[in-house]
Amino acid sequence: MSNDDDFAAAYREHYWAVSRYVARRLDGRTSDVEEVVAEVFTVAWRRRTDLPDSPLPWLYGVARNCLANAVRGQGRRRRLVDRLGNDDTAHGRHIEAGPDAETPGAWVHDALARLSPSDQEVLRLTAWEELDTDEVAVALGCGRRAASMRLHRARRRLRAEIDRMAPTTAAALKENGHG
């Protein structure tokens, strides 16, 4: 098979997985998701000679870099809008969530959000993308042992955050064999 055929097969097979990966990290902002996914596959096309036999973890690594670029761009745009004074809060349109707006399991997301971006990413790669340690290593661009250690440490820090946020809930989970 040619490099073009390899790329076409990778695109067909992994487009939706990459889209879900990006959407979960951008909270589903559709136009941003489409833009980042397009960039991922543009990079993959340019580097189609580098596509590994199992391209999904490699594509996730490319997506991480594209997401970082998109987030930096959003930050620059936000700072510009703040300087211009055209944001919604400047015009009194700040909306507060209602008291029952919390979604089930939101405390887990709160605990995850308190971790460093690198801890969040290694946990998401294993939980959301269901990658094994070897695939996580490819996505993160590190060795298997380093990926395994990062995952172990991230899990330990997540557990500590959960314990810190709700000591009684964490104790109850442990008593019921979930901790």
Protein backbone atom coordinates (compact mmCIF):
# COMPACT_ATOMS: atom_id res chain seq x y z
CA MET A 1 0.00 0.00 0.00
CA SER A 2 1.21 3.53 -0.76
CA ASN A 3 1.57 6.34 1.77
CA ASP A 4 -1.54 7.96 0.27
CA ASP A 5 -3.51 4.74 0.78
CA ASP A 6 -2.20 4.44 4.34
CA PHE A 7 -3.32 7.99 5.07
CA ALA A 8 -6.76 7.42 3.51
CA ALA A 9 -7.22 4.24 5.58
CA ALA A 10 -6.13 6.01 8.78
CA TYR A 11 -8.48 8.91 8.03
CA ARG A 12 -11.48 6.63 7.41
CA GLU A 13 -10.75 4.42 10.42
CA HIS A 14 -9.82 7.07 13.00
CA TYR A 15 -11.59 10.32 12.04
CA TRP A 16 -14.36 9.90 14.61
CA ALA A 17 -12.03 8.78 17.39
CA VAL A 18 -9.86 11.87 16.84
CA SER A 19 -13.01 14.05 16.69
CA ARG A 20 -14.24 12.67 20.02
CA TYR A 21 -10.77 13.12 21.55
CA VAL A 22 -10.72 16.79 20.52
CA ALA A 23 -14.38 17.44 21.42
CA ARG A 24 -13.93 16.17 24.97
CA ARG A 25 -11.03 18.53 25.48
CA LEU A 26 -12.83 21.54 23.97
CA ASP A 27 -16.13 20.85 25.75
CA GLY A 28 -17.83 20.23 22.40
CA ARG A 29 -17.37 23.69 20.85
CA THR A 30 -18.27 22.42 17.36
CA SER A 31 -16.54 24.99 15.17
CA ASP A 32 -13.32 24.75 17.20
CA VAL A 33 -13.47 20.94 17.16
CA GLU A 34 -13.81 20.81 13.38
CA GLU A 35 -10.96 23.26 12.95
CA VAL A 36 -8.58 21.31 15.22
CA VAL A 37 -9.49 17.94 13.66
CA ALA A 38 -8.87 19.40 10.21
CA GLU A 39 -5.46 20.58 11.40
CA VAL A 40 -4.68 17.11 12.82
CA PHE A 41 -5.35 15.43 9.51
CA THR A 42 -3.52 18.17 7.60
CA VAL A 43 -0.44 17.40 9.69
CA ALA A 44 -1.03 13.68 9.18
CA TRP A 45 -1.25 14.21 5.40
CA ARG A 46 1.99 16.19 5.36
CA ARG A 47 3.69 13.51 7.47
CA ARG A 48 1.98 10.49 5.88
CA THR A 49 5.36 8.82 5.37
CA ASP A 50 5.71 8.82 9.19
CA LEU A 51 2.36 7.11 9.89
CA PRO A 52 2.98 4.07 12.12
CA ASP A 53 1.22 0.74 11.57
CA SER A 54 -1.15 1.57 14.43
CA PRO A 55 -1.74 5.30 13.80
CA LEU A 56 -4.37 6.21 16.44
CA PRO A 57 -2.00 6.92 19.36
CA TRP A 58 0.24 8.90 16.98
CA LEU A 59 -2.81 10.88 15.80
CA TYR A 60 -3.70 11.59 19.44
CA GLY A 61 -0.17 12.97 19.91
CA VAL A 62 -0.64 15.23 16.87
CA ALA A 63 -4.04 16.27 18.25
CA ARG A 64 -2.46 17.22 21.60
CA ASN A 65 -0.11 19.60 19.79
CA CYS A 66 -2.91 21.03 17.63
CA LEU A 67 -5.08 21.54 20.73
CA ALA A 68 -2.23 23.36 22.48
CA ASN A 69 -1.91 25.69 19.48
CA ALA A 70 -5.69 26.28 19.42
CA VAL A 71 -5.80 27.04 23.16
CA ARG A 72 -2.93 29.52 22.81
CA GLY A 73 -4.79 31.18 19.92
CA GLN A 74 -8.00 31.38 21.95
CA GLY A 75 -6.07 32.98 24.80
CA ARG A 76 -4.66 35.61 22.47
CA ARG A 77 -8.14 36.35 21.06
CA ARG A 78 -9.65 36.54 24.56
CA ARG A 79 -6.95 38.97 25.74
CA LEU A 80 -7.56 41.12 22.66
CA VAL A 81 -11.33 41.17 23.28
CA ASP A 82 -10.69 42.07 26.94
CA ARG A 83 -8.49 44.98 25.88
CA LEU A 84 -11.16 46.16 23.45
CA GLY A 85 -13.90 45.86 26.09
CA ASN A 86 -16.33 43.97 23.88
CA ASP A 87 -16.81 40.87 26.00
CA ASP A 88 -20.18 39.87 27.46
CA THR A 89 -19.24 40.71 31.06
CA ALA A 90 -18.41 44.28 30.03
CA HIS A 91 -21.98 44.64 28.81
CA GLY A 92 -23.62 43.05 31.85
CA ARG A 93 -24.52 39.75 30.21
CA HIS A 94 -22.80 37.41 32.63
CA ILE A 95 -25.01 34.35 33.27
CA GLU A 96 -24.86 32.41 36.52
CA ALA A 97 -25.73 28.73 36.67
CA GLY A 98 -28.76 27.75 38.75
CA PRO A 99 -28.42 25.84 42.04
CA ASP A 100 -29.38 22.50 40.49
CA ALA A 101 -27.19 22.93 37.40
CA GLU A 102 -24.51 20.54 38.67
CA THR A 103 -24.35 17.40 36.58
CA PRO A 104 -23.98 13.94 38.14
CA GLY A 105 -20.35 13.11 38.78
CA ALA A 106 -19.30 16.73 38.41
CA TRP A 107 -17.13 16.34 41.51
CA VAL A 108 -14.88 13.97 39.57
CA HIS A 109 -14.43 16.59 36.86
CA ASP A 110 -13.76 19.20 39.55
CA ALA A 111 -11.06 17.00 41.07
CA LEU A 112 -9.58 16.34 37.61
CA ALA A 113 -9.56 20.07 36.84
CA ARG A 114 -7.41 20.68 39.93
CA LEU A 115 -4.62 18.52 38.47
CA SER A 116 -1.88 19.73 36.17
CA PRO A 117 -2.64 19.58 32.42
CA SER A 118 -0.15 16.72 32.00
CA ASP A 119 -1.84 14.68 34.77
CA GLN A 120 -5.25 15.38 33.23
CA GLU A 121 -4.04 14.27 29.81
CA VAL A 122 -2.55 10.94 30.90
CA LEU A 123 -5.74 10.11 32.84
CA ARG A 124 -7.96 11.08 29.91
CA LEU A 125 -5.90 9.03 27.46
CA THR A 126 -6.44 5.91 29.58
CA ALA A 127 -10.04 6.56 30.69
CA TRP A 128 -11.62 8.38 27.76
CA GLU A 129 -9.55 7.12 24.84
CA GLU A 130 -9.05 3.65 26.41
CA LEU A 131 -5.38 3.50 25.46
CA ASP A 132 -3.04 1.00 27.06
CA THR A 133 0.32 2.06 28.48
CA ASP A 134 2.22 1.43 25.21
CA GLU A 135 -0.27 3.57 23.27
CA VAL A 136 -0.19 6.30 25.93
CA ALA A 137 3.60 6.38 25.52
CA VAL A 138 3.21 6.96 21.76
CA ALA A 139 0.58 9.68 22.27
CA LEU A 140 2.73 11.47 24.86
CA GLY A 141 5.97 10.95 22.96
CA CYS A 142 7.75 9.18 25.82
CA GLY A 143 8.84 5.67 26.77
CA ARG A 144 6.54 2.98 28.18
CA ARG A 145 8.06 3.17 31.67
CA ALA A 146 7.71 6.95 31.77
CA ALA A 147 4.07 6.69 30.64
CA SER A 148 3.39 4.06 33.29
CA MET A 149 4.96 6.21 36.00
CA ARG A 150 3.07 9.33 34.84
CA LEU A 151 -0.19 7.39 34.98
CA HIS A 152 0.55 6.01 38.44
CA ARG A 153 1.42 9.45 39.80
CA ALA A 154 -1.59 11.11 38.15
CA ARG A 155 -3.93 8.52 39.65
CA ARG A 156 -2.38 9.06 43.08
CA ARG A 157 -2.78 12.86 42.78
CA LEU A 158 -6.39 12.47 41.58
CA ARG A 159 -7.17 10.28 44.59
CA ALA A 160 -5.61 12.92 46.87
CA GLU A 161 -7.75 15.66 45.27
CA ILE A 162 -10.89 13.59 45.68
CA ASP A 163 -10.00 12.94 49.33
CA ARG A 164 -9.32 16.64 49.86
CA MET A 165 -12.60 17.73 48.24
CA ALA A 166 -14.90 15.38 50.10
CA PRO A 167 -13.24 13.41 52.89
CA THR A 168 -16.53 11.81 53.97
CA THR A 169 -17.46 10.75 50.44
CA ALA A 170 -14.01 9.30 49.88
CA ALA A 171 -14.18 7.39 53.17
CA ALA A 172 -17.59 5.99 52.20
CA LEU A 173 -16.23 4.89 48.82
CA LYS A 174 -13.32 3.12 50.50
CA GLU A 175 -15.65 1.36 52.95
CA ASN A 176 -17.74 0.06 50.05
CA GLY A 177 -14.64 -1.30 48.29
CA HIS A 178 -14.41 1.41 45.60
CA GLY A 179 -11.28 3.15 46.79
